[in-house]
PDB file of N, CA and C in Angstrom:
ATOM      1  N   MET A   1      31.905  -5.263  -3.996  1.00  0.00           N
ATOM      2  CA  MET A   1      31.288  -3.991  -4.321  1.00  0.00           C
ATOM      3  C   MET A   1      30.628  -3.436  -3.060  1.00  0.00           C
ATOM      4  N   GLN A   2      30.849  -2.181  -2.782  1.00  0.00           N
ATOM      5  CA  GLN A   2      30.265  -1.543  -1.603  1.00  0.00           C
ATOM      6  C   GLN A   2      29.207  -0.544  -2.052  1.00  0.00           C
ATOM      7  N   TYR A   3      28.047  -0.568  -1.396  1.00  0.00           N
ATOM      8  CA  TYR A   3      26.948   0.328  -1.732  1.00  0.00           C
ATOM      9  C   TYR A   3      26.865   1.447  -0.713  1.00  0.00           C
ATOM     10  N   PRO A   4      27.091   2.692  -1.132  1.00  0.00           N
ATOM     11  CA  PRO A   4      26.918   3.807  -0.199  1.00  0.00           C
ATOM     12  C   PRO A   4      25.448   3.995   0.137  1.00  0.00           C
ATOM     13  N   LYS A   5      25.168   4.562   1.289  1.00  0.00           N
ATOM     14  CA  LYS A   5      23.793   4.795   1.723  1.00  0.00           C
ATOM     15  C   LYS A   5      23.458   6.276   1.597  1.00  0.00           C
ATOM     16  N   VAL A   6      22.258   6.548   1.114  1.00  0.00           N
ATOM     17  CA  VAL A   6      21.782   7.916   0.971  1.00  0.00           C
ATOM     18  C   VAL A   6      20.472   8.022   1.746  1.00  0.00           C
ATOM     19  N   GLY A   7      20.342   9.000   2.625  1.00  0.00           N
ATOM     20  CA  GLY A   7      19.134   9.143   3.433  1.00  0.00           C
ATOM     21  C   GLY A   7      17.978   9.751   2.656  1.00  0.00           C
ATOM     22  N   PHE A   8      16.766   9.492   3.130  1.00  0.00           N
ATOM     23  CA  PHE A   8      15.570  10.079   2.532  1.00  0.00           C
ATOM     24  C   PHE A   8      14.441  10.057   3.541  1.00  0.00           C
ATOM     25  N   ARG A   9      13.401  10.839   3.248  1.00  0.00           N
ATOM     26  CA  ARG A   9      12.169  10.868   4.041  1.00  0.00           C
ATOM     27  C   ARG A   9      10.996  10.940   3.073  1.00  0.00           C
ATOM     28  N   VAL A  10       9.927  10.222   3.388  1.00  0.00           N
ATOM     29  CA  VAL A  10       8.708  10.238   2.579  1.00  0.00           C
ATOM     30  C   VAL A  10       7.546  10.513   3.514  1.00  0.00           C
ATOM     31  N   SER A  11       6.685  11.421   3.152  1.00  0.00           N
ATOM     32  CA  SER A  11       5.488  11.671   3.947  1.00  0.00           C
ATOM     33  C   SER A  11       4.324  10.906   3.342  1.00  0.00           C
ATOM     34  N   LEU A  12       3.574  10.197   4.183  1.00  0.00           N
ATOM     35  CA  LEU A  12       2.370   9.498   3.739  1.00  0.00           C
ATOM     36  C   LEU A  12       1.171  10.354   4.095  1.00  0.00           C
ATOM     37  N   LEU A  13       0.266  10.502   3.142  1.00  0.00           N
ATOM     38  CA  LEU A  13      -0.934  11.284   3.399  1.00  0.00           C
ATOM     39  C   LEU A  13      -2.145  10.372   3.417  1.00  0.00           C
ATOM     40  N   LYS A  14      -3.017  10.584   4.350  1.00  0.00           N
ATOM     41  CA  LYS A  14      -4.282   9.862   4.425  1.00  0.00           C
ATOM     42  C   LYS A  14      -5.359  10.934   4.375  1.00  0.00           C
ATOM     43  N   GLY A  15      -5.983  11.065   3.206  1.00  0.00           N
ATOM     44  CA  GLY A  15      -6.934  12.157   3.036  1.00  0.00           C
ATOM     45  C   GLY A  15      -6.184  13.466   3.149  1.00  0.00           C
ATOM     46  N   GLU A  16      -6.599  14.300   4.050  1.00  0.00           N
ATOM     47  CA  GLU A  16      -5.951  15.590   4.242  1.00  0.00           C
ATOM     48  C   GLU A  16      -4.924  15.566   5.369  1.00  0.00           C
ATOM     49  N   GLU A  17      -4.922  14.500   6.169  1.00  0.00           N
ATOM     50  CA  GLU A  17      -4.029  14.502   7.321  1.00  0.00           C
ATOM     51  C   GLU A  17      -2.817  13.616   7.089  1.00  0.00           C
ATOM     52  N   GLU A  18      -1.716  14.007   7.665  1.00  0.00           N
ATOM     53  CA  GLU A  18      -0.485  13.251   7.501  1.00  0.00           C
ATOM     54  C   GLU A  18      -0.493  12.035   8.417  1.00  0.00           C
ATOM     55  N   MET A  19      -0.160  10.869   7.863  1.00  0.00           N
ATOM     56  CA  MET A  19      -0.093   9.642   8.657  1.00  0.00           C
ATOM     57  C   MET A  19       1.210   9.564   9.435  1.00  0.00           C
ATOM     58  N   GLY A  20       2.231  10.183   8.933  1.00  0.00           N
ATOM     59  CA  GLY A  20       3.529  10.109   9.573  1.00  0.00           C
ATOM     60  C   GLY A  20       4.614  10.120   8.523  1.00  0.00           C
ATOM     61  N   SER A  21       5.839  10.032   8.977  1.00  0.00           N
ATOM     62  CA  SER A  21       6.963  10.036   8.058  1.00  0.00           C
ATOM     63  C   SER A  21       7.638   8.680   8.074  1.00  0.00           C
ATOM     64  N   ILE A  22       8.139   8.299   6.924  1.00  0.00           N
ATOM     65  CA  ILE A  22       8.870   7.053   6.769  1.00  0.00           C
ATOM     66  C   ILE A  22      10.344   7.407   6.638  1.00  0.00           C
ATOM     67  N   LYS A  23      11.167   6.771   7.435  1.00  0.00           N
ATOM     68  CA  LYS A  23      12.604   6.989   7.346  1.00  0.00           C
ATOM     69  C   LYS A  23      13.236   5.742   6.765  1.00  0.00           C
ATOM     70  N   GLY A  24      14.197   5.932   5.912  1.00  0.00           N
ATOM     71  CA  GLY A  24      14.861   4.784   5.311  1.00  0.00           C
ATOM     72  C   GLY A  24      16.155   5.195   4.652  1.00  0.00           C
ATOM     73  N   ARG A  25      16.788   4.224   4.027  1.00  0.00           N
ATOM     74  CA  ARG A  25      18.045   4.476   3.339  1.00  0.00           C
ATOM     75  C   ARG A  25      17.977   3.836   1.960  1.00  0.00           C
ATOM     76  N   TYR A  26      18.480   4.558   0.972  1.00  0.00           N
ATOM     77  CA  TYR A  26      18.595   4.001  -0.373  1.00  0.00           C
ATOM     78  C   TYR A  26      19.853   3.161  -0.467  1.00  0.00           C
ATOM     79  N   ILE A  27      19.781   2.154  -1.282  1.00  0.00           N
ATOM     80  CA  ILE A  27      20.968   1.405  -1.661  1.00  0.00           C
ATOM     81  C   ILE A  27      21.226   1.782  -3.111  1.00  0.00           C
ATOM     82  N   VAL A  28      22.442   2.213  -3.399  1.00  0.00           N
ATOM     83  CA  VAL A  28      22.779   2.633  -4.754  1.00  0.00           C
ATOM     84  C   VAL A  28      23.892   1.760  -5.301  1.00  0.00           C
ATOM     85  N   ASP A  29      23.939   1.631  -6.630  1.00  0.00           N
ATOM     86  CA  ASP A  29      25.009   0.867  -7.256  1.00  0.00           C
ATOM     87  C   ASP A  29      26.234   1.751  -7.438  1.00  0.00           C
ATOM     88  N   GLU A  30      27.247   1.195  -8.079  1.00  0.00           N
ATOM     89  CA  GLU A  30      28.505   1.931  -8.230  1.00  0.00           C
ATOM     90  C   GLU A  30      28.362   3.186  -9.099  1.00  0.00           C
ATOM     91  N   LYS A  31      27.279   3.271  -9.867  1.00  0.00           N
ATOM     92  CA  LYS A  31      27.031   4.451 -10.693  1.00  0.00           C
ATOM     93  C   LYS A  31      26.131   5.469  -9.995  1.00  0.00           C
ATOM     94  N   GLY A  32      25.697   5.160  -8.792  1.00  0.00           N
ATOM     95  CA  GLY A  32      24.832   6.065  -8.045  1.00  0.00           C
ATOM     96  C   GLY A  32      23.349   5.870  -8.321  1.00  0.00           C
ATOM     97  N   ASN A  33      22.992   4.830  -9.094  1.00  0.00           N
ATOM     98  CA  ASN A  33      21.592   4.534  -9.365  1.00  0.00           C
ATOM     99  C   ASN A  33      20.957   3.865  -8.159  1.00  0.00           C
ATOM    100  N   ARG A  34      19.774   4.290  -7.795  1.00  0.00           N
ATOM    101  CA  ARG A  34      19.065   3.668  -6.672  1.00  0.00           C
ATOM    102  C   ARG A  34      18.589   2.284  -7.098  1.00  0.00           C
ATOM    103  N   VAL A  35      18.959   1.290  -6.308  1.00  0.00           N
ATOM    104  CA  VAL A  35      18.598  -0.096  -6.643  1.00  0.00           C
ATOM    105  C   VAL A  35      17.813  -0.772  -5.536  1.00  0.00           C
ATOM    106  N   GLY A  36      17.650  -0.134  -4.406  1.00  0.00           N
ATOM    107  CA  GLY A  36      16.907  -0.725  -3.297  1.00  0.00           C
ATOM    108  C   GLY A  36      16.698   0.297  -2.197  1.00  0.00           C
ATOM    109  N   VAL A  37      15.955  -0.140  -1.201  1.00  0.00           N
ATOM    110  CA  VAL A  37      15.681   0.728  -0.066  1.00  0.00           C
ATOM    111  C   VAL A  37      15.606  -0.126   1.195  1.00  0.00           C
ATOM    112  N   LEU A  38      16.084   0.417   2.287  1.00  0.00           N
ATOM    113  CA  LEU A  38      15.987  -0.233   3.596  1.00  0.00           C
ATOM    114  C   LEU A  38      15.018   0.571   4.448  1.00  0.00           C
ATOM    115  N   LEU A  39      14.038  -0.132   5.019  1.00  0.00           N
ATOM    116  CA  LEU A  39      13.040   0.511   5.878  1.00  0.00           C
ATOM    117  C   LEU A  39      13.024  -0.159   7.239  1.00  0.00           C
ATOM    118  N   ASP A  40      12.686   0.607   8.258  1.00  0.00           N
ATOM    119  CA  ASP A  40      12.422   0.008   9.560  1.00  0.00           C
ATOM    120  C   ASP A  40      11.181  -0.865   9.428  1.00  0.00           C
ATOM    121  N   TRP A  41      11.118  -1.937  10.213  1.00  0.00           N
ATOM    122  CA  TRP A  41       9.997  -2.874  10.120  1.00  0.00           C
ATOM    123  C   TRP A  41       8.657  -2.188  10.341  1.00  0.00           C
ATOM    124  N   ASP A  42       8.558  -1.320  11.343  1.00  0.00           N
ATOM    125  CA  ASP A  42       7.292  -0.636  11.620  1.00  0.00           C
ATOM    126  C   ASP A  42       6.871   0.251  10.452  1.00  0.00           C
ATOM    127  N   ASP A  43       7.830   0.935   9.837  1.00  0.00           N
ATOM    128  CA  ASP A  43       7.522   1.764   8.675  1.00  0.00           C
ATOM    129  C   ASP A  43       7.041   0.898   7.516  1.00  0.00           C
ATOM    130  N   TYR A  44       7.665  -0.248   7.308  1.00  0.00           N
ATOM    131  CA  TYR A  44       7.259  -1.177   6.256  1.00  0.00           C
ATOM    132  C   TYR A  44       5.825  -1.644   6.480  1.00  0.00           C
ATOM    133  N   ARG A  45       5.484  -2.014   7.722  1.00  0.00           N
ATOM    134  CA  ARG A  45       4.126  -2.456   8.037  1.00  0.00           C
ATOM    135  C   ARG A  45       3.119  -1.334   7.773  1.00  0.00           C
ATOM    136  N   ARG A  46       3.472  -0.097   8.143  1.00  0.00           N
ATOM    137  CA  ARG A  46       2.576   1.036   7.896  1.00  0.00           C
ATOM    138  C   ARG A  46       2.365   1.250   6.402  1.00  0.00           C
ATOM    139  N   LEU A  47       3.411   1.084   5.606  1.00  0.00           N
ATOM    140  CA  LEU A  47       3.263   1.201   4.156  1.00  0.00           C
ATOM    141  C   LEU A  47       2.329   0.128   3.612  1.00  0.00           C
ATOM    142  N   LEU A  48       2.475  -1.103   4.096  1.00  0.00           N
ATOM    143  CA  LEU A  48       1.593  -2.181   3.654  1.00  0.00           C
ATOM    144  C   LEU A  48       0.148  -1.902   4.034  1.00  0.00           C
ATOM    145  N   GLU A  49      -0.079  -1.421   5.240  1.00  0.00           N
ATOM    146  CA  GLU A  49      -1.439  -1.098   5.676  1.00  0.00           C
ATOM    147  C   GLU A  49      -2.037   0.009   4.815  1.00  0.00           C
ATOM    148  N   ALA A  50      -1.237   1.033   4.487  1.00  0.00           N
ATOM    149  CA  ALA A  50      -1.721   2.121   3.642  1.00  0.00           C
ATOM    150  C   ALA A  50      -2.046   1.603   2.244  1.00  0.00           C
ATOM    151  N   LEU A  51      -1.228   0.708   1.728  1.00  0.00           N
ATOM    152  CA  LEU A  51      -1.474   0.120   0.413  1.00  0.00           C
ATOM    153  C   LEU A  51      -2.759  -0.704   0.409  1.00  0.00           C
ATOM    154  N   GLU A  52      -2.965  -1.502   1.458  1.00  0.00           N
ATOM    155  CA  GLU A  52      -4.190  -2.298   1.561  1.00  0.00           C
ATOM    156  C   GLU A  52      -5.415  -1.397   1.619  1.00  0.00           C
ATOM    157  N   GLU A  53      -5.326  -0.300   2.357  1.00  0.00           N
ATOM    158  CA  GLU A  53      -6.450   0.629   2.445  1.00  0.00           C
ATOM    159  C   GLU A  53      -6.718   1.263   1.080  1.00  0.00           C
ATOM    160  N   LEU A  54      -5.670   1.638   0.358  1.00  0.00           N
ATOM    161  CA  LEU A  54      -5.833   2.213  -0.966  1.00  0.00           C
ATOM    162  C   LEU A  54      -6.480   1.214  -1.919  1.00  0.00           C
ATOM    163  N   GLU A  55      -6.069  -0.054  -1.847  1.00  0.00           N
ATOM    164  CA  GLU A  55      -6.677  -1.087  -2.686  1.00  0.00           C
ATOM    165  C   GLU A  55      -8.166  -1.246  -2.375  1.00  0.00           C
ATOM    166  N   SER A  56      -8.530  -1.164  -1.108  1.00  0.00           N
ATOM    167  CA  SER A  56      -9.944  -1.249  -0.724  1.00  0.00           C
ATOM    168  C   SER A  56     -10.733  -0.066  -1.278  1.00  0.00           C
ATOM    169  N   ILE A  57     -10.153   1.107  -1.218  1.00  0.00           N
ATOM    170  CA  ILE A  57     -10.823   2.303  -1.743  1.00  0.00           C
ATOM    171  C   ILE A  57     -11.010   2.182  -3.249  1.00  0.00           C
ATOM    172  N   LYS A  58      -9.976   1.695  -3.943  1.00  0.00           N
ATOM    173  CA  LYS A  58     -10.090   1.514  -5.398  1.00  0.00           C
ATOM    174  C   LYS A  58     -11.175   0.491  -5.733  1.00  0.00           C
ATOM    175  N   ALA A  59     -11.250  -0.600  -4.981  1.00  0.00           N
ATOM    176  CA  ALA A  59     -12.274  -1.623  -5.227  1.00  0.00           C
ATOM    177  C   ALA A  59     -13.664  -1.044  -4.980  1.00  0.00           C
ATOM    178  N   TYR A  60     -13.815  -0.253  -3.940  1.00  0.00           N
ATOM    179  CA  TYR A  60     -15.098   0.389  -3.647  1.00  0.00           C
ATOM    180  C   TYR A  60     -15.496   1.327  -4.784  1.00  0.00           C
ATOM    181  N   ASP A  61     -14.542   2.157  -5.220  1.00  0.00           N
ATOM    182  CA  ASP A  61     -14.826   3.088  -6.312  1.00  0.00           C
ATOM    183  C   ASP A  61     -15.219   2.347  -7.587  1.00  0.00           C
ATOM    184  N   ALA A  62     -14.527   1.241  -7.882  1.00  0.00           N
ATOM    185  CA  ALA A  62     -14.845   0.455  -9.081  1.00  0.00           C
ATOM    186  C   ALA A  62     -16.239  -0.154  -8.969  1.00  0.00           C
ATOM    187  N   ALA A  63     -16.579  -0.646  -7.777  1.00  0.00           N
ATOM    188  CA  ALA A  63     -17.906  -1.234  -7.573  1.00  0.00           C
ATOM    189  C   ALA A  63     -18.992  -0.180  -7.735  1.00  0.00           C
ATOM    190  N   LYS A  64     -18.782   1.002  -7.187  1.00  0.00           N
ATOM    191  CA  LYS A  64     -19.765   2.085  -7.315  1.00  0.00           C
ATOM    192  C   LYS A  64     -19.914   2.510  -8.769  1.00  0.00           C
ATOM    193  N   ALA A  65     -18.804   2.567  -9.501  1.00  0.00           N
ATOM    194  CA  ALA A  65     -18.833   3.011 -10.896  1.00  0.00           C
ATOM    195  C   ALA A  65     -19.452   1.971 -11.826  1.00  0.00           C
ATOM    196  N   SER A  66     -19.487   0.704 -11.397  1.00  0.00           N
ATOM    197  CA  SER A  66     -20.007  -0.360 -12.264  1.00  0.00           C
ATOM    198  C   SER A  66     -21.507  -0.241 -12.489  1.00  0.00           C
ATOM    199  N   GLY A  67     -22.208   0.397 -11.558  1.00  0.00           N
ATOM    200  CA  GLY A  67     -23.649   0.552 -11.692  1.00  0.00           C
ATOM    201  C   GLY A  67     -24.434  -0.705 -11.335  1.00  0.00           C
ATOM    202  N   GLU A  68     -23.736  -1.761 -10.940  1.00  0.00           N
ATOM    203  CA  GLU A  68     -24.429  -2.997 -10.563  1.00  0.00           C
ATOM    204  C   GLU A  68     -25.107  -2.828  -9.209  1.00  0.00           C
ATOM    205  N   GLU A  69     -26.178  -3.606  -9.024  1.00  0.00           N
ATOM    206  CA  GLU A  69     -26.894  -3.557  -7.756  1.00  0.00           C
ATOM    207  C   GLU A  69     -26.080  -4.304  -6.693  1.00  0.00           C
ATOM    208  N   PRO A  70     -25.891  -3.698  -5.525  1.00  0.00           N
ATOM    209  CA  PRO A  70     -25.112  -4.364  -4.485  1.00  0.00           C
ATOM    210  C   PRO A  70     -25.825  -5.619  -3.962  1.00  0.00           C
ATOM    211  N   ILE A  71     -25.039  -6.598  -3.542  1.00  0.00           N
ATOM    212  CA  ILE A  71     -25.569  -7.838  -2.964  1.00  0.00           C
ATOM    213  C   ILE A  71     -25.332  -7.775  -1.463  1.00  0.00           C
ATOM    214  N   PRO A  72     -26.350  -8.052  -0.657  1.00  0.00           N
ATOM    215  CA  PRO A  72     -26.131  -8.083   0.796  1.00  0.00           C
ATOM    216  C   PRO A  72     -25.041  -9.095   1.165  1.00  0.00           C
ATOM    217  N   PHE A  73     -24.284  -8.781   2.178  1.00  0.00           N
ATOM    218  CA  PHE A  73     -23.150  -9.608   2.582  1.00  0.00           C
ATOM    219  C   PHE A  73     -23.548 -11.058   2.803  1.00  0.00           C
ATOM    220  N   ASP A  74     -24.628 -11.288   3.545  1.00  0.00           N
ATOM    221  CA  ASP A  74     -25.066 -12.658   3.846  1.00  0.00           C
ATOM    222  C   ASP A  74     -25.374 -13.440   2.566  1.00  0.00           C
ATOM    223  N   LYS A  75     -26.027 -12.769   1.613  1.00  0.00           N
ATOM    224  CA  LYS A  75     -26.346 -13.434   0.349  1.00  0.00           C
ATOM    225  C   LYS A  75     -25.065 -13.746  -0.430  1.00  0.00           C
ATOM    226  N   ALA A  76     -24.117 -12.846  -0.425  1.00  0.00           N
ATOM    227  CA  ALA A  76     -22.846 -13.078  -1.112  1.00  0.00           C
ATOM    228  C   ALA A  76     -22.124 -14.289  -0.519  1.00  0.00           C
ATOM    229  N   ILE A  77     -22.125 -14.399   0.812  1.00  0.00           N
ATOM    230  CA  ILE A  77     -21.492 -15.536   1.482  1.00  0.00           C
ATOM    231  C   ILE A  77     -22.193 -16.827   1.081  1.00  0.00           C
ATOM    232  N   GLU A  78     -23.525 -16.809   1.052  1.00  0.00           N
ATOM    233  CA  GLU A  78     -24.282 -18.009   0.635  1.00  0.00           C
ATOM    234  C   GLU A  78     -23.916 -18.435  -0.782  1.00  0.00           C
ATOM    235  N   GLU A  79     -23.815 -17.472  -1.681  1.00  0.00           N
ATOM    236  CA  GLU A  79     -23.446 -17.781  -3.068  1.00  0.00           C
ATOM    237  C   GLU A  79     -22.034 -18.362  -3.162  1.00  0.00           C
ATOM    238  N   ILE A  80     -21.136 -17.827  -2.397  1.00  0.00           N
ATOM    239  CA  ILE A  80     -19.751 -18.337  -2.390  1.00  0.00           C
ATOM    240  C   ILE A  80     -19.723 -19.759  -1.856  1.00  0.00           C
ATOM    241  N   GLU A  81     -20.450 -20.004  -0.772  1.00  0.00           N
ATOM    242  CA  GLU A  81     -20.483 -21.342  -0.182  1.00  0.00           C
ATOM    243  C   GLU A  81     -21.094 -22.371  -1.145  1.00  0.00           C
ATOM    244  N   ARG A  82     -22.146 -21.984  -1.857  1.00  0.00           N
ATOM    245  CA  ARG A  82     -22.779 -22.895  -2.828  1.00  0.00           C
ATOM    246  C   ARG A  82     -21.849 -23.218  -3.983  1.00  0.00           C
ATOM    247  N   SER A  83     -20.997 -22.298  -4.370  1.00  0.00           N
ATOM    248  CA  SER A  83     -20.123 -22.522  -5.521  1.00  0.00           C
ATOM    249  C   SER A  83     -18.889 -23.359  -5.178  1.00  0.00           C
ATOM    250  N   ARG A  84     -18.673 -23.674  -3.915  1.00  0.00           N
ATOM    251  CA  ARG A  84     -17.496 -24.462  -3.516  1.00  0.00           C
ATOM    252  C   ARG A  84     -17.715 -25.914  -3.780  1.00  0.00           C
TER     253      ARG A  84
END
């Protein structure tokens, strides 16, 4: 079975500014359904970094919304060390 390649471009946004464009190729099955994507290694790393940053922002937002009192970093480390 041979998979034809279809080109695409995705723009990543960071806040209001564009981070750059991702270039890649879709892998499609014999019916033309997209089943995979090929990315350049650097583009893949940039996507992972953007995802990690988004996860950090979500965790921050969840912590702020919880209404709990923040724990100083040093105290948090001490508590983690004691629980080991």
